[in-house]
């Protein structure tokens, strides 16, 4: 992944979005057709 530490505005936006349920549900690993990890 991308290290957003060098982009503080992007890091704040990412952190704020991850607090929203819709964004959490939309993550690729939460999709029904996502490959199983492990």
PDB file of N, CA and C in Angstrom:
ATOM      1  N   UNK A   1       0.803  -1.175   0.000  1.00  0.00           N
ATOM      2  CA  UNK A   1       0.000   0.000   0.000  1.00  0.00           C
ATOM      3  C   UNK A   1       0.854   1.251   0.000  1.00  0.00           C
ATOM      4  N   UNK A   2       0.205   2.327  -0.067  1.00  0.00           N
ATOM      5  CA  UNK A   2       0.844   3.637  -0.089  1.00  0.00           C
ATOM      6  C   UNK A   2       1.019   4.146   1.332  1.00  0.00           C
ATOM      7  N   UNK A   3       2.222   4.589   1.669  1.00  0.00           N
ATOM      8  CA  UNK A   3       2.476   5.200   2.975  1.00  0.00           C
ATOM      9  C   UNK A   3       1.984   6.640   2.910  1.00  0.00           C
ATOM     10  N   UNK A   4       0.841   6.913   3.542  1.00  0.00           N
ATOM     11  CA  UNK A   4       0.252   8.247   3.473  1.00  0.00           C
ATOM     12  C   UNK A   4       0.827   9.192   4.518  1.00  0.00           C
ATOM     13  N   UNK A   5       1.805   8.742   5.300  1.00  0.00           N
ATOM     14  CA  UNK A   5       2.388   9.584   6.348  1.00  0.00           C
ATOM     15  C   UNK A   5       2.984  10.867   5.779  1.00  0.00           C
ATOM     16  N   UNK A   6       3.500  10.802   4.570  1.00  0.00           N
ATOM     17  CA  UNK A   6       4.094  11.997   3.981  1.00  0.00           C
ATOM     18  C   UNK A   6       3.042  12.925   3.369  1.00  0.00           C
ATOM     19  N   UNK A   7       1.776  12.521   3.421  1.00  0.00           N
ATOM     20  CA  UNK A   7       0.664  13.315   2.903  1.00  0.00           C
ATOM     21  C   UNK A   7      -0.358  13.500   4.023  1.00  0.00           C
ATOM     22  N   UNK A   8      -0.142  14.450   4.933  1.00  0.00           N
ATOM     23  CA  UNK A   8      -1.004  14.565   6.114  1.00  0.00           C
ATOM     24  C   UNK A   8      -2.478  14.823   5.795  1.00  0.00           C
ATOM     25  N   UNK A   9      -2.760  15.594   4.764  1.00  0.00           N
ATOM     26  CA  UNK A   9      -4.164  15.843   4.422  1.00  0.00           C
ATOM     27  C   UNK A   9      -4.824  14.554   3.958  1.00  0.00           C
ATOM     28  N   UNK A  10      -4.140  13.809   3.123  1.00  0.00           N
ATOM     29  CA  UNK A  10      -4.666  12.530   2.655  1.00  0.00           C
ATOM     30  C   UNK A  10      -4.843  11.563   3.822  1.00  0.00           C
ATOM     31  N   UNK A  11      -3.909  11.560   4.752  1.00  0.00           N
ATOM     32  CA  UNK A  11      -4.002  10.688   5.922  1.00  0.00           C
ATOM     33  C   UNK A  11      -5.225  11.044   6.764  1.00  0.00           C
ATOM     34  N   UNK A  12      -5.511  12.332   6.943  1.00  0.00           N
ATOM     35  CA  UNK A  12      -6.692  12.753   7.716  1.00  0.00           C
ATOM     36  C   UNK A  12      -7.981  12.343   7.008  1.00  0.00           C
ATOM     37  N   UNK A  13      -8.018  12.514   5.690  1.00  0.00           N
ATOM     38  CA  UNK A  13      -9.207  12.125   4.930  1.00  0.00           C
ATOM     39  C   UNK A  13      -9.422  10.622   5.037  1.00  0.00           C
ATOM     40  N   UNK A  14      -8.358   9.850   4.883  1.00  0.00           N
ATOM     41  CA  UNK A  14      -8.445   8.395   4.975  1.00  0.00           C
ATOM     42  C   UNK A  14      -8.955   7.972   6.347  1.00  0.00           C
ATOM     43  N   UNK A  15      -8.412   8.560   7.393  1.00  0.00           N
ATOM     44  CA  UNK A  15      -8.832   8.217   8.757  1.00  0.00           C
ATOM     45  C   UNK A  15     -10.302   8.559   8.977  1.00  0.00           C
ATOM     46  N   UNK A  16     -10.740   9.707   8.467  1.00  0.00           N
ATOM     47  CA  UNK A  16     -12.137  10.108   8.629  1.00  0.00           C
ATOM     48  C   UNK A  16     -13.064   9.161   7.868  1.00  0.00           C
ATOM     49  N   UNK A  17     -12.669   8.781   6.672  1.00  0.00           N
ATOM     50  CA  UNK A  17     -13.498   7.875   5.871  1.00  0.00           C
ATOM     51  C   UNK A  17     -13.619   6.508   6.526  1.00  0.00           C
ATOM     52  N   UNK A  18     -12.546   6.020   7.116  1.00  0.00           N
ATOM     53  CA  UNK A  18     -12.581   4.696   7.728  1.00  0.00           C
ATOM     54  C   UNK A  18     -13.516   4.635   8.931  1.00  0.00           C
ATOM     55  N   UNK A  19     -13.891   5.777   9.476  1.00  0.00           N
ATOM     56  CA  UNK A  19     -14.830   5.809  10.599  1.00  0.00           C
ATOM     57  C   UNK A  19     -16.275   5.668  10.126  1.00  0.00           C
ATOM     58  N   UNK A  20     -16.501   5.815   8.824  1.00  0.00           N
ATOM     59  CA  UNK A  20     -17.852   5.740   8.274  1.00  0.00           C
ATOM     60  C   UNK A  20     -18.177   4.300   7.882  1.00  0.00           C
ATOM     61  N   UNK A  21     -19.328   3.825   8.328  1.00  0.00           N
ATOM     62  CA  UNK A  21     -19.728   2.447   8.078  1.00  0.00           C
ATOM     63  C   UNK A  21     -19.761   2.117   6.585  1.00  0.00           C
ATOM     64  N   UNK A  22     -20.233   3.035   5.770  1.00  0.00           N
ATOM     65  CA  UNK A  22     -20.319   2.772   4.331  1.00  0.00           C
ATOM     66  C   UNK A  22     -18.945   2.502   3.733  1.00  0.00           C
ATOM     67  N   UNK A  23     -17.942   3.216   4.182  1.00  0.00           N
ATOM     68  CA  UNK A  23     -16.585   2.999   3.678  1.00  0.00           C
ATOM     69  C   UNK A  23     -16.041   1.658   4.168  1.00  0.00           C
ATOM     70  N   UNK A  24     -16.324   1.314   5.405  1.00  0.00           N
ATOM     71  CA  UNK A  24     -15.861   0.030   5.939  1.00  0.00           C
ATOM     72  C   UNK A  24     -16.492  -1.125   5.161  1.00  0.00           C
ATOM     73  N   UNK A  25     -17.788  -1.026   4.874  1.00  0.00           N
ATOM     74  CA  UNK A  25     -18.469  -2.083   4.119  1.00  0.00           C
ATOM     75  C   UNK A  25     -17.977  -2.165   2.682  1.00  0.00           C
ATOM     76  N   UNK A  26     -17.495  -1.056   2.134  1.00  0.00           N
ATOM     77  CA  UNK A  26     -17.065  -1.018   0.732  1.00  0.00           C
ATOM     78  C   UNK A  26     -15.627  -1.488   0.525  1.00  0.00           C
ATOM     79  N   UNK A  27     -14.897  -1.731   1.597  1.00  0.00           N
ATOM     80  CA  UNK A  27     -13.501  -2.170   1.452  1.00  0.00           C
ATOM     81  C   UNK A  27     -13.450  -3.454   0.628  1.00  0.00           C
ATOM     82  N   UNK A  28     -12.444  -3.597  -0.216  1.00  0.00           N
ATOM     83  CA  UNK A  28     -12.369  -4.777  -1.091  1.00  0.00           C
ATOM     84  C   UNK A  28     -12.445  -6.106  -0.342  1.00  0.00           C
ATOM     85  N   UNK A  29     -11.801  -6.200   0.810  1.00  0.00           N
ATOM     86  CA  UNK A  29     -11.807  -7.472   1.540  1.00  0.00           C
ATOM     87  C   UNK A  29     -13.169  -7.807   2.139  1.00  0.00           C
ATOM     88  N   UNK A  30     -14.094  -6.854   2.164  1.00  0.00           N
ATOM     89  CA  UNK A  30     -15.430  -7.094   2.698  1.00  0.00           C
ATOM     90  C   UNK A  30     -16.447  -7.433   1.610  1.00  0.00           C
ATOM     91  N   UNK A  31     -16.004  -7.585   0.386  1.00  0.00           N
ATOM     92  CA  UNK A  31     -16.900  -7.901  -0.718  1.00  0.00           C
ATOM     93  C   UNK A  31     -17.121  -9.411  -0.793  1.00  0.00           C
ATOM     94  N   UNK A  32     -18.318  -9.824  -1.195  1.00  0.00           N
ATOM     95  CA  UNK A  32     -18.622 -11.255  -1.215  1.00  0.00           C
ATOM     96  C   UNK A  32     -17.705 -12.070  -2.127  1.00  0.00           C
ATOM     97  N   UNK A  33     -17.176 -11.448  -3.169  1.00  0.00           N
ATOM     98  CA  UNK A  33     -16.327 -12.197  -4.099  1.00  0.00           C
ATOM     99  C   UNK A  33     -14.837 -12.000  -3.838  1.00  0.00           C
ATOM    100  N   UNK A  34     -14.506 -11.449  -2.671  1.00  0.00           N
ATOM    101  CA  UNK A  34     -13.092 -11.223  -2.334  1.00  0.00           C
ATOM    102  C   UNK A  34     -12.399 -12.557  -2.071  1.00  0.00           C
ATOM    103  N   UNK A  35     -11.154 -12.689  -2.538  1.00  0.00           N
ATOM    104  CA  UNK A  35     -10.412 -13.919  -2.238  1.00  0.00           C
ATOM    105  C   UNK A  35     -10.181 -14.053  -0.735  1.00  0.00           C
ATOM    106  N   UNK A  36     -10.233 -15.271  -0.249  1.00  0.00           N
ATOM    107  CA  UNK A  36      -9.998 -15.528   1.170  1.00  0.00           C
ATOM    108  C   UNK A  36      -8.513 -15.417   1.477  1.00  0.00           C
ATOM    109  N   UNK A  37      -8.180 -14.720   2.549  1.00  0.00           N
ATOM    110  CA  UNK A  37      -6.785 -14.572   2.970  1.00  0.00           C
ATOM    111  C   UNK A  37      -6.403 -15.751   3.861  1.00  0.00           C
ATOM    112  N   UNK A  38      -5.153 -16.167   3.744  1.00  0.00           N
ATOM    113  CA  UNK A  38      -4.658 -17.177   4.657  1.00  0.00           C
ATOM    114  C   UNK A  38      -4.539 -18.470   4.068  1.00  0.00           C
TER     115      UNK A  38
END
